[in-house]
Each structure stands twice: as C-alpha cells, then as structure tokens.
Amino acid sequence: YKRQSLDEALGYLERCVTEKRSAWLARNRSALLRTADPIDDGYRAFYGAYLGLSVPQDGEIVERTPTRMVTRWWNPCATLDVCQKLGLDTRVVCCRAYHRPVQVFLESIDPRLRFDRNYDALRPHTPYCEEILTLAE
C-alpha cells in the first residue's frame, strides 16, 4: 500500500513539474538563444535560464563532444533535502518524478536532444549528481 501511494504521488509530481516547465518555456521561449549547437542550446536553456545554475559555482562539465555533454552538479537541491528528511531514495524520486520533465523540456528546445542521469552517481550516494545530454541522429 505504501509503495503504491508513493508511486501515485511521484506520478502526480511528474505531471505537475512537466506542466510548470512547459509553461515557463511558453513564456520565455523568445528570450532563449538559439545557435547551431543544440547541446549547448539545451544546456543553456535548462541549466542556465531555467534552473539558474552555472559552472564552476554549481557544478562542472566533465565531458563535451559535439553530440554529448556530461555535467556534475553539487548545487543546493530542494529535492535532495526533502528526500533526506523523509527517508526517501533520491534515485527513485528523481527517476520517477523529474527525469521525464527534463526530457520534455529539452525536446521542446530540439527534438533530437536526449536527457539521461547516472543513477549510480546521485547525491547523497556521491558528492554530485551526474547528468548527460546527448544529440540523437
């Protein structure tokens, strides 16, 4: 029963986060810089403009190719804080409630963008959260 309730709550949260991010994009799309580099466009739109994160204060870029960017983030995170207070696993919460909303956001920047998260490298299990943007061909 408890697991079913958590799944329902995370599904609801996922829908709310997706709606919130889509509304933000609708309001701010004209202000987002577009270049010939979709990875950079997605990175700047999501991490910079939407989340307000920057390197090196909040994280680092550990790999960058024309079709892939790997970042590690250690910024303050409300989801991490809440998970720790409630005894929830960030790997479950971030996967179930926050993975798809990032994907939906990035696809609206460029339909070829793909988001992934290294769930073996996620706080508090590691000192950072590792996330990957790729460009599908």
C-alpha atoms as a PDB file:
ATOM      1  CA  TYR A   1       0.000   0.000   0.000  1.00  0.00           C
ATOM      2  CA  LYS A   2       2.753   2.456   0.920  1.00  0.00           C
ATOM      3  CA  ARG A   3       4.641   1.731  -2.342  1.00  0.00           C
ATOM      4  CA  GLN A   4       1.504   2.263  -4.422  1.00  0.00           C
ATOM      5  CA  SER A   5       0.862   5.603  -2.670  1.00  0.00           C
ATOM      6  CA  LEU A   6       4.450   6.738  -3.302  1.00  0.00           C
ATOM      7  CA  ASP A   7       4.185   5.783  -6.978  1.00  0.00           C
ATOM      8  CA  GLU A   8       0.919   7.711  -7.291  1.00  0.00           C
ATOM      9  CA  ALA A   9       2.400  10.768  -5.566  1.00  0.00           C
ATOM     10  CA  LEU A  10       5.531  10.716  -7.742  1.00  0.00           C
ATOM     11  CA  GLY A  11       3.410  10.326 -10.883  1.00  0.00           C
ATOM     12  CA  TYR A  12       1.371  13.356  -9.861  1.00  0.00           C
ATOM     13  CA  LEU A  13       4.547  15.313  -9.089  1.00  0.00           C
ATOM     14  CA  GLU A  14       5.971  14.370 -12.507  1.00  0.00           C
ATOM     15  CA  ARG A  15       2.862  15.759 -14.237  1.00  0.00           C
ATOM     16  CA  CYS A  16       2.996  18.980 -12.183  1.00  0.00           C
ATOM     17  CA  VAL A  17       6.713  19.526 -12.881  1.00  0.00           C
ATOM     18  CA  THR A  18       6.195  18.886 -16.602  1.00  0.00           C
ATOM     19  CA  GLU A  19       3.329  21.417 -16.713  1.00  0.00           C
ATOM     20  CA  LYS A  20       5.350  24.009 -14.770  1.00  0.00           C
ATOM     21  CA  ARG A  21       8.371  23.692 -17.065  1.00  0.00           C
ATOM     22  CA  SER A  22       6.236  23.754 -20.215  1.00  0.00           C
ATOM     23  CA  ALA A  23       4.517  26.934 -19.020  1.00  0.00           C
ATOM     24  CA  TRP A  24       7.901  28.531 -18.270  1.00  0.00           C
ATOM     25  CA  LEU A  25       9.100  27.651 -21.769  1.00  0.00           C
ATOM     26  CA  ALA A  26       5.967  29.101 -23.339  1.00  0.00           C
ATOM     27  CA  ARG A  27       6.590  32.398 -21.500  1.00  0.00           C
ATOM     28  CA  ASN A  28      10.354  32.550 -22.114  1.00  0.00           C
ATOM     29  CA  ARG A  29      10.970  30.854 -25.468  1.00  0.00           C
ATOM     30  CA  SER A  30      11.638  34.106 -27.337  1.00  0.00           C
ATOM     31  CA  ALA A  31      14.415  35.056 -24.894  1.00  0.00           C
ATOM     32  CA  LEU A  32      16.318  31.770 -25.322  1.00  0.00           C
ATOM     33  CA  LEU A  33      19.378  31.997 -27.536  1.00  0.00           C
ATOM     34  CA  ARG A  34      19.447  29.559 -30.448  1.00  0.00           C
ATOM     35  CA  THR A  35      22.694  28.558 -32.132  1.00  0.00           C
ATOM     36  CA  ALA A  36      23.831  25.783 -34.448  1.00  0.00           C
ATOM     37  CA  ASP A  37      24.739  23.723 -31.340  1.00  0.00           C
ATOM     38  CA  PRO A  38      21.616  22.002 -29.913  1.00  0.00           C
ATOM     39  CA  ILE A  39      23.531  20.520 -26.953  1.00  0.00           C
ATOM     40  CA  ASP A  40      24.685  23.978 -25.893  1.00  0.00           C
ATOM     41  CA  ASP A  41      21.230  25.448 -26.528  1.00  0.00           C
ATOM     42  CA  GLY A  42      19.605  22.801 -24.329  1.00  0.00           C
ATOM     43  CA  TYR A  43      22.263  23.192 -21.637  1.00  0.00           C
ATOM     44  CA  ARG A  44      21.897  26.980 -21.521  1.00  0.00           C
ATOM     45  CA  ALA A  45      18.098  26.888 -21.594  1.00  0.00           C
ATOM     46  CA  PHE A  46      17.602  24.213 -18.927  1.00  0.00           C
ATOM     47  CA  TYR A  47      20.520  24.589 -16.556  1.00  0.00           C
ATOM     48  CA  GLY A  48      21.257  28.283 -17.032  1.00  0.00           C
ATOM     49  CA  ALA A  49      17.992  30.055 -17.804  1.00  0.00           C
ATOM     50  CA  TYR A  50      15.513  27.711 -16.100  1.00  0.00           C
ATOM     51  CA  LEU A  51      17.442  26.352 -13.098  1.00  0.00           C
ATOM     52  CA  GLY A  52      19.824  29.305 -12.714  1.00  0.00           C
ATOM     53  CA  LEU A  53      22.880  27.059 -12.397  1.00  0.00           C
ATOM     54  CA  SER A  54      26.370  27.961 -13.510  1.00  0.00           C
ATOM     55  CA  VAL A  55      29.801  26.415 -13.768  1.00  0.00           C
ATOM     56  CA  PRO A  56      32.021  26.392 -11.695  1.00  0.00           C
ATOM     57  CA  GLN A  57      29.886  27.558  -8.735  1.00  0.00           C
ATOM     58  CA  ASP A  58      27.219  24.862  -9.007  1.00  0.00           C
ATOM     59  CA  GLY A  59      28.935  22.120 -10.971  1.00  0.00           C
ATOM     60  CA  GLU A  60      31.310  21.175 -13.742  1.00  0.00           C
ATOM     61  CA  ILE A  61      31.263  19.907 -17.294  1.00  0.00           C
ATOM     62  CA  VAL A  62      33.269  16.675 -17.285  1.00  0.00           C
ATOM     63  CA  GLU A  63      32.826  15.681 -20.931  1.00  0.00           C
ATOM     64  CA  ARG A  64      31.928  17.644 -24.045  1.00  0.00           C
ATOM     65  CA  THR A  65      31.730  16.447 -27.627  1.00  0.00           C
ATOM     66  CA  PRO A  66      29.540  17.737 -30.481  1.00  0.00           C
ATOM     67  CA  THR A  67      26.887  15.141 -29.556  1.00  0.00           C
ATOM     68  CA  ARG A  68      27.307  14.670 -25.795  1.00  0.00           C
ATOM     69  CA  MET A  69      27.726  16.691 -22.606  1.00  0.00           C
ATOM     70  CA  VAL A  70      28.201  15.211 -19.140  1.00  0.00           C
ATOM     71  CA  THR A  71      27.752  17.507 -16.143  1.00  0.00           C
ATOM     72  CA  ARG A  72      28.146  17.025 -12.409  1.00  0.00           C
ATOM     73  CA  TRP A  73      26.083  19.239 -10.106  1.00  0.00           C
ATOM     74  CA  TRP A  74      26.522  19.965  -6.394  1.00  0.00           C
ATOM     75  CA  ASN A  75      24.202  22.973  -6.112  1.00  0.00           C
ATOM     76  CA  PRO A  76      21.686  23.260  -3.270  1.00  0.00           C
ATOM     77  CA  CYS A  77      18.755  20.990  -4.124  1.00  0.00           C
ATOM     78  CA  ALA A  78      15.298  21.045  -2.525  1.00  0.00           C
ATOM     79  CA  THR A  79      14.570  17.514  -3.774  1.00  0.00           C
ATOM     80  CA  LEU A  80      17.705  16.184  -2.091  1.00  0.00           C
ATOM     81  CA  ASP A  81      16.805  17.989   1.145  1.00  0.00           C
ATOM     82  CA  VAL A  82      13.239  16.652   1.191  1.00  0.00           C
ATOM     83  CA  CYS A  83      14.333  13.104   0.348  1.00  0.00           C
ATOM     84  CA  GLN A  84      16.834  13.129   3.204  1.00  0.00           C
ATOM     85  CA  LYS A  85      14.255  14.495   5.661  1.00  0.00           C
ATOM     86  CA  LEU A  86      11.621  11.929   4.632  1.00  0.00           C
ATOM     87  CA  GLY A  87      13.985   8.985   4.242  1.00  0.00           C
ATOM     88  CA  LEU A  88      13.285   8.633   0.507  1.00  0.00           C
ATOM     89  CA  ASP A  89      15.826   7.445  -2.046  1.00  0.00           C
ATOM     90  CA  THR A  90      16.783  10.231  -4.461  1.00  0.00           C
ATOM     91  CA  ARG A  91      17.394   7.605  -7.138  1.00  0.00           C
ATOM     92  CA  VAL A  92      13.705   6.652  -7.020  1.00  0.00           C
ATOM     93  CA  VAL A  93      12.294  10.164  -6.638  1.00  0.00           C
ATOM     94  CA  CYS A  94      14.482  11.791  -9.294  1.00  0.00           C
ATOM     95  CA  CYS A  95      13.884   8.982 -11.772  1.00  0.00           C
ATOM     96  CA  ARG A  96      10.132   8.777 -11.280  1.00  0.00           C
ATOM     97  CA  ALA A  97       9.269  12.473 -10.818  1.00  0.00           C
ATOM     98  CA  TYR A  98      11.983  14.528 -12.515  1.00  0.00           C
ATOM     99  CA  HIS A  99      13.528  12.554 -15.395  1.00  0.00           C
ATOM    100  CA  ARG A 100      10.686  12.841 -17.914  1.00  0.00           C
ATOM    101  CA  PRO A 101      10.070  16.570 -17.255  1.00  0.00           C
ATOM    102  CA  VAL A 102      13.692  17.323 -18.213  1.00  0.00           C
ATOM    103  CA  GLN A 103      13.288  15.236 -21.367  1.00  0.00           C
ATOM    104  CA  VAL A 104      10.083  17.066 -22.332  1.00  0.00           C
ATOM    105  CA  PHE A 105      11.793  20.432 -21.721  1.00  0.00           C
ATOM    106  CA  LEU A 106      14.822  19.543 -23.843  1.00  0.00           C
ATOM    107  CA  GLU A 107      12.740  18.093 -26.697  1.00  0.00           C
ATOM    108  CA  SER A 108      10.948  21.407 -26.966  1.00  0.00           C
ATOM    109  CA  ILE A 109      14.351  23.081 -27.485  1.00  0.00           C
ATOM    110  CA  ASP A 110      15.364  20.469 -30.086  1.00  0.00           C
ATOM    111  CA  PRO A 111      13.512  17.177 -30.704  1.00  0.00           C
ATOM    112  CA  ARG A 112      16.851  15.351 -31.063  1.00  0.00           C
ATOM    113  CA  LEU A 113      18.017  16.147 -27.523  1.00  0.00           C
ATOM    114  CA  ARG A 114      18.039  13.288 -25.022  1.00  0.00           C
ATOM    115  CA  PHE A 115      18.426  13.518 -21.260  1.00  0.00           C
ATOM    116  CA  ASP A 116      19.870  10.871 -19.014  1.00  0.00           C
ATOM    117  CA  ARG A 117      21.003  10.774 -15.431  1.00  0.00           C
ATOM    118  CA  ASN A 118      23.606   8.445 -13.964  1.00  0.00           C
ATOM    119  CA  TYR A 119      21.564   6.972 -11.121  1.00  0.00           C
ATOM    120  CA  ASP A 120      24.729   5.379  -9.713  1.00  0.00           C
ATOM    121  CA  ALA A 121      26.191   8.890  -9.327  1.00  0.00           C
ATOM    122  CA  LEU A 122      23.460  10.756  -7.480  1.00  0.00           C
ATOM    123  CA  ARG A 123      23.563  12.624  -4.198  1.00  0.00           C
ATOM    124  CA  PRO A 124      23.706  11.691  -1.341  1.00  0.00           C
ATOM    125  CA  HIS A 125      25.357   8.479  -2.634  1.00  0.00           C
ATOM    126  CA  THR A 126      28.071  10.552  -4.365  1.00  0.00           C
ATOM    127  CA  PRO A 127      29.142  14.202  -3.853  1.00  0.00           C
ATOM    128  CA  TYR A 128      27.373  15.254  -7.093  1.00  0.00           C
ATOM    129  CA  CYS A 129      24.544  14.378  -9.466  1.00  0.00           C
ATOM    130  CA  GLU A 130      25.753  13.372 -12.917  1.00  0.00           C
ATOM    131  CA  GLU A 131      23.551  14.214 -15.884  1.00  0.00           C
ATOM    132  CA  ILE A 132      24.021  13.600 -19.589  1.00  0.00           C
ATOM    133  CA  LEU A 133      22.709  15.429 -22.646  1.00  0.00           C
ATOM    134  CA  THR A 134      23.039  13.689 -25.991  1.00  0.00           C
ATOM    135  CA  LEU A 135      22.026  14.540 -29.517  1.00  0.00           C
ATOM    136  CA  ALA A 136      20.210  11.713 -31.293  1.00  0.00           C
ATOM    137  CA  GLU A 137      20.805  11.417 -35.019  1.00  0.00           C
END
